[in-house]
Amino acid sequence: MTKIDVKIASEYGIMFLYDASIRPYFPSNAGEQCVTYTDTCIAFSVLSYVDGDANVVLMEDESDITIGNEVFYGELLCPSKALSLFDTDGRGIVTLPLKKESARISIRMSEDENPDLVECLIEGIDSF
């Protein structure tokens, strides 16, 4: 089972999930709530770098979940069968192969504002 743990210093306290092969439609209200989304992009809050590193965990096994506060559940279109984590500068942090052209994603946070831990449960991760 895939589990990737990323520590990141986020300049603006926002990270994104989307398929790097397309030009996603970014949520116009990104940052106004802990999670905002369109059918091609999910924006979520993380701890800003001035407060320390944020920990973002991408996983496919529900048994790896450590926090119970689910703040988002939905489906994201990924036509190239790949899902990437990006920062606000558009730098790709990690890319996961998918089995299908969409992924169901559950996001959990240690807290709604400035979470130091964000867990993304992603259904349908393909093996590397």
C-alpha atoms as a PDB file:
ATOM      1  CA  MET A   1       0.000   0.000   0.000  1.00  0.00           C
ATOM      2  CA  THR A   2       1.232   3.452  -0.930  1.00  0.00           C
ATOM      3  CA  LYS A   3       1.873   6.054   1.761  1.00  0.00           C
ATOM      4  CA  ILE A   4       3.917   9.179   1.089  1.00  0.00           C
ATOM      5  CA  ASP A   5       4.686  11.612   3.893  1.00  0.00           C
ATOM      6  CA  VAL A   6       5.814  15.078   2.772  1.00  0.00           C
ATOM      7  CA  LYS A   7       7.100  17.838   5.041  1.00  0.00           C
ATOM      8  CA  ILE A   8       6.851  21.212   3.362  1.00  0.00           C
ATOM      9  CA  ALA A   9       7.303  24.878   4.188  1.00  0.00           C
ATOM     10  CA  SER A  10       4.351  26.499   2.431  1.00  0.00           C
ATOM     11  CA  GLU A  11       4.754  30.199   1.710  1.00  0.00           C
ATOM     12  CA  TYR A  12       1.037  30.975   1.530  1.00  0.00           C
ATOM     13  CA  GLY A  13      -0.386  28.069   3.545  1.00  0.00           C
ATOM     14  CA  ILE A  14      -2.177  26.487   0.549  1.00  0.00           C
ATOM     15  CA  MET A  15      -1.445  23.294  -1.385  1.00  0.00           C
ATOM     16  CA  PHE A  16      -3.133  21.853  -4.466  1.00  0.00           C
ATOM     17  CA  LEU A  17      -3.994  18.424  -5.860  1.00  0.00           C
ATOM     18  CA  TYR A  18      -4.516  18.097  -9.624  1.00  0.00           C
ATOM     19  CA  ASP A  19      -3.464  16.255 -12.775  1.00  0.00           C
ATOM     20  CA  ALA A  20      -0.294  17.949 -14.066  1.00  0.00           C
ATOM     21  CA  SER A  21      -1.068  17.046 -17.678  1.00  0.00           C
ATOM     22  CA  ILE A  22      -4.018  19.441 -17.879  1.00  0.00           C
ATOM     23  CA  ARG A  23      -4.612  23.068 -17.114  1.00  0.00           C
ATOM     24  CA  PRO A  24      -6.808  22.782 -14.031  1.00  0.00           C
ATOM     25  CA  TYR A  25      -9.632  25.121 -13.151  1.00  0.00           C
ATOM     26  CA  PHE A  26      -8.420  26.488  -9.814  1.00  0.00           C
ATOM     27  CA  PRO A  27     -11.029  27.297  -7.165  1.00  0.00           C
ATOM     28  CA  SER A  28     -11.592  31.058  -7.247  1.00  0.00           C
ATOM     29  CA  ASN A  29     -12.021  31.072  -3.475  1.00  0.00           C
ATOM     30  CA  ALA A  30      -8.867  29.077  -2.637  1.00  0.00           C
ATOM     31  CA  GLY A  31      -7.728  29.896   0.876  1.00  0.00           C
ATOM     32  CA  GLU A  32     -11.076  31.258   2.044  1.00  0.00           C
ATOM     33  CA  GLN A  33     -12.019  27.894   3.575  1.00  0.00           C
ATOM     34  CA  CYS A  34      -9.927  24.922   4.648  1.00  0.00           C
ATOM     35  CA  VAL A  35     -10.799  23.079   1.396  1.00  0.00           C
ATOM     36  CA  THR A  36     -12.124  24.475  -1.868  1.00  0.00           C
ATOM     37  CA  TYR A  37     -12.396  22.568  -5.113  1.00  0.00           C
ATOM     38  CA  THR A  38     -13.463  22.256  -8.709  1.00  0.00           C
ATOM     39  CA  ASP A  39     -13.776  19.038 -10.699  1.00  0.00           C
ATOM     40  CA  THR A  40     -10.083  19.348 -11.728  1.00  0.00           C
ATOM     41  CA  CYS A  41      -8.381  20.877  -8.656  1.00  0.00           C
ATOM     42  CA  ILE A  42      -8.520  20.694  -4.871  1.00  0.00           C
ATOM     43  CA  ALA A  43      -6.992  23.519  -2.810  1.00  0.00           C
ATOM     44  CA  PHE A  44      -6.428  22.942   0.893  1.00  0.00           C
ATOM     45  CA  SER A  45      -4.937  24.829   3.808  1.00  0.00           C
ATOM     46  CA  VAL A  46      -1.706  23.868   5.512  1.00  0.00           C
ATOM     47  CA  LEU A  47       0.466  25.502   8.133  1.00  0.00           C
ATOM     48  CA  SER A  48       2.250  28.575   6.761  1.00  0.00           C
ATOM     49  CA  TYR A  49       6.057  28.430   6.742  1.00  0.00           C
ATOM     50  CA  VAL A  50       6.311  31.205   9.353  1.00  0.00           C
ATOM     51  CA  ASP A  51       4.709  28.799  11.835  1.00  0.00           C
ATOM     52  CA  GLY A  52       6.767  25.760  10.798  1.00  0.00           C
ATOM     53  CA  ASP A  53       6.616  22.890   8.331  1.00  0.00           C
ATOM     54  CA  ALA A  54       3.341  21.295   7.306  1.00  0.00           C
ATOM     55  CA  ASN A  55       3.053  17.530   7.039  1.00  0.00           C
ATOM     56  CA  VAL A  56       0.973  16.271   4.084  1.00  0.00           C
ATOM     57  CA  VAL A  57       0.368  12.517   3.903  1.00  0.00           C
ATOM     58  CA  LEU A  58      -0.915  10.913   0.691  1.00  0.00           C
ATOM     59  CA  MET A  59      -2.202   7.390   1.305  1.00  0.00           C
ATOM     60  CA  GLU A  60      -4.437   4.692  -0.060  1.00  0.00           C
ATOM     61  CA  ASP A  61      -5.005   2.548   3.017  1.00  0.00           C
ATOM     62  CA  GLU A  62      -7.730   3.704   5.394  1.00  0.00           C
ATOM     63  CA  SER A  63      -5.931   2.027   8.299  1.00  0.00           C
ATOM     64  CA  ASP A  64      -3.147   4.665   7.987  1.00  0.00           C
ATOM     65  CA  ILE A  65      -5.538   7.493   8.967  1.00  0.00           C
ATOM     66  CA  THR A  66      -4.593   9.065  12.296  1.00  0.00           C
ATOM     67  CA  ILE A  67      -7.034  11.992  12.523  1.00  0.00           C
ATOM     68  CA  GLY A  68     -10.809  11.768  12.457  1.00  0.00           C
ATOM     69  CA  ASN A  69     -11.874  15.192  11.233  1.00  0.00           C
ATOM     70  CA  GLU A  70     -12.884  14.636   7.575  1.00  0.00           C
ATOM     71  CA  VAL A  71     -13.250  18.043   5.915  1.00  0.00           C
ATOM     72  CA  PHE A  72     -13.673  16.920   2.291  1.00  0.00           C
ATOM     73  CA  TYR A  73     -14.823  13.934   0.284  1.00  0.00           C
ATOM     74  CA  GLY A  74     -15.180  14.098  -3.464  1.00  0.00           C
ATOM     75  CA  GLU A  75     -13.961  13.042  -6.872  1.00  0.00           C
ATOM     76  CA  LEU A  76     -11.219  14.695  -8.920  1.00  0.00           C
ATOM     77  CA  LEU A  77     -10.812  14.286 -12.691  1.00  0.00           C
ATOM     78  CA  CYS A  78      -7.327  13.082 -13.696  1.00  0.00           C
ATOM     79  CA  PRO A  79      -7.368  12.320 -17.451  1.00  0.00           C
ATOM     80  CA  SER A  80      -3.725  11.185 -17.584  1.00  0.00           C
ATOM     81  CA  LYS A  81      -4.264   8.786 -14.664  1.00  0.00           C
ATOM     82  CA  ALA A  82      -1.855  10.744 -12.472  1.00  0.00           C
ATOM     83  CA  LEU A  83      -2.431  12.960  -9.447  1.00  0.00           C
ATOM     84  CA  SER A  84       0.117  15.506  -8.238  1.00  0.00           C
ATOM     85  CA  LEU A  85       0.633  17.611  -5.131  1.00  0.00           C
ATOM     86  CA  PHE A  86       1.625  21.212  -5.931  1.00  0.00           C
ATOM     87  CA  ASP A  87       2.564  24.321  -3.992  1.00  0.00           C
ATOM     88  CA  THR A  88       1.338  27.840  -4.812  1.00  0.00           C
ATOM     89  CA  ASP A  89       4.293  28.416  -7.172  1.00  0.00           C
ATOM     90  CA  GLY A  90       3.187  25.479  -9.315  1.00  0.00           C
ATOM     91  CA  ARG A  91       6.059  23.255  -8.217  1.00  0.00           C
ATOM     92  CA  GLY A  92       5.152  19.592  -8.297  1.00  0.00           C
ATOM     93  CA  ILE A  93       6.068  17.902  -5.021  1.00  0.00           C
ATOM     94  CA  VAL A  94       5.005  14.328  -5.757  1.00  0.00           C
ATOM     95  CA  THR A  95       3.004  12.516  -8.459  1.00  0.00           C
ATOM     96  CA  LEU A  96       1.014   9.329  -7.945  1.00  0.00           C
ATOM     97  CA  PRO A  97      -0.124   6.984 -10.732  1.00  0.00           C
ATOM     98  CA  LEU A  98      -3.833   6.166 -10.736  1.00  0.00           C
ATOM     99  CA  LYS A  99      -5.791   3.167 -12.008  1.00  0.00           C
ATOM    100  CA  LYS A 100      -8.561   5.329 -13.500  1.00  0.00           C
ATOM    101  CA  GLU A 101      -9.087   8.808 -14.930  1.00  0.00           C
ATOM    102  CA  SER A 102     -10.547  10.046 -11.664  1.00  0.00           C
ATOM    103  CA  ALA A 103      -9.819   9.649  -7.984  1.00  0.00           C
ATOM    104  CA  ARG A 104     -12.050   9.713  -4.940  1.00  0.00           C
ATOM    105  CA  ILE A 105     -10.308  11.708  -2.245  1.00  0.00           C
ATOM    106  CA  SER A 106     -10.965  12.169   1.460  1.00  0.00           C
ATOM    107  CA  ILE A 107      -9.088  14.954   3.241  1.00  0.00           C
ATOM    108  CA  ARG A 108      -8.629  15.117   7.009  1.00  0.00           C
ATOM    109  CA  MET A 109      -6.935  17.902   8.942  1.00  0.00           C
ATOM    110  CA  SER A 110      -5.508  18.296  12.416  1.00  0.00           C
ATOM    111  CA  GLU A 111      -7.449  21.582  12.586  1.00  0.00           C
ATOM    112  CA  ASP A 112      -9.515  23.689  10.186  1.00  0.00           C
ATOM    113  CA  GLU A 113      -7.168  26.694  10.121  1.00  0.00           C
ATOM    114  CA  ASN A 114      -3.414  26.326   9.647  1.00  0.00           C
ATOM    115  CA  PRO A 115      -3.274  22.562  10.112  1.00  0.00           C
ATOM    116  CA  ASP A 116       0.179  21.114  10.672  1.00  0.00           C
ATOM    117  CA  LEU A 117      -1.071  17.698   9.502  1.00  0.00           C
ATOM    118  CA  VAL A 118      -3.207  16.962   6.434  1.00  0.00           C
ATOM    119  CA  GLU A 119      -4.050  13.394   5.438  1.00  0.00           C
ATOM    120  CA  CYS A 120      -5.312  12.689   1.918  1.00  0.00           C
ATOM    121  CA  LEU A 121      -6.865   9.257   1.454  1.00  0.00           C
ATOM    122  CA  ILE A 122      -6.800   8.571  -2.294  1.00  0.00           C
ATOM    123  CA  GLU A 123      -8.737   5.664  -3.763  1.00  0.00           C
ATOM    124  CA  GLY A 124      -7.288   3.949  -6.819  1.00  0.00           C
ATOM    125  CA  ILE A 125      -3.557   4.579  -6.554  1.00  0.00           C
ATOM    126  CA  ASP A 126      -1.753   2.321  -9.027  1.00  0.00           C
ATOM    127  CA  SER A 127       1.471   0.542  -8.134  1.00  0.00           C
ATOM    128  CA  PHE A 128       4.737   2.279  -8.993  1.00  0.00           C
END
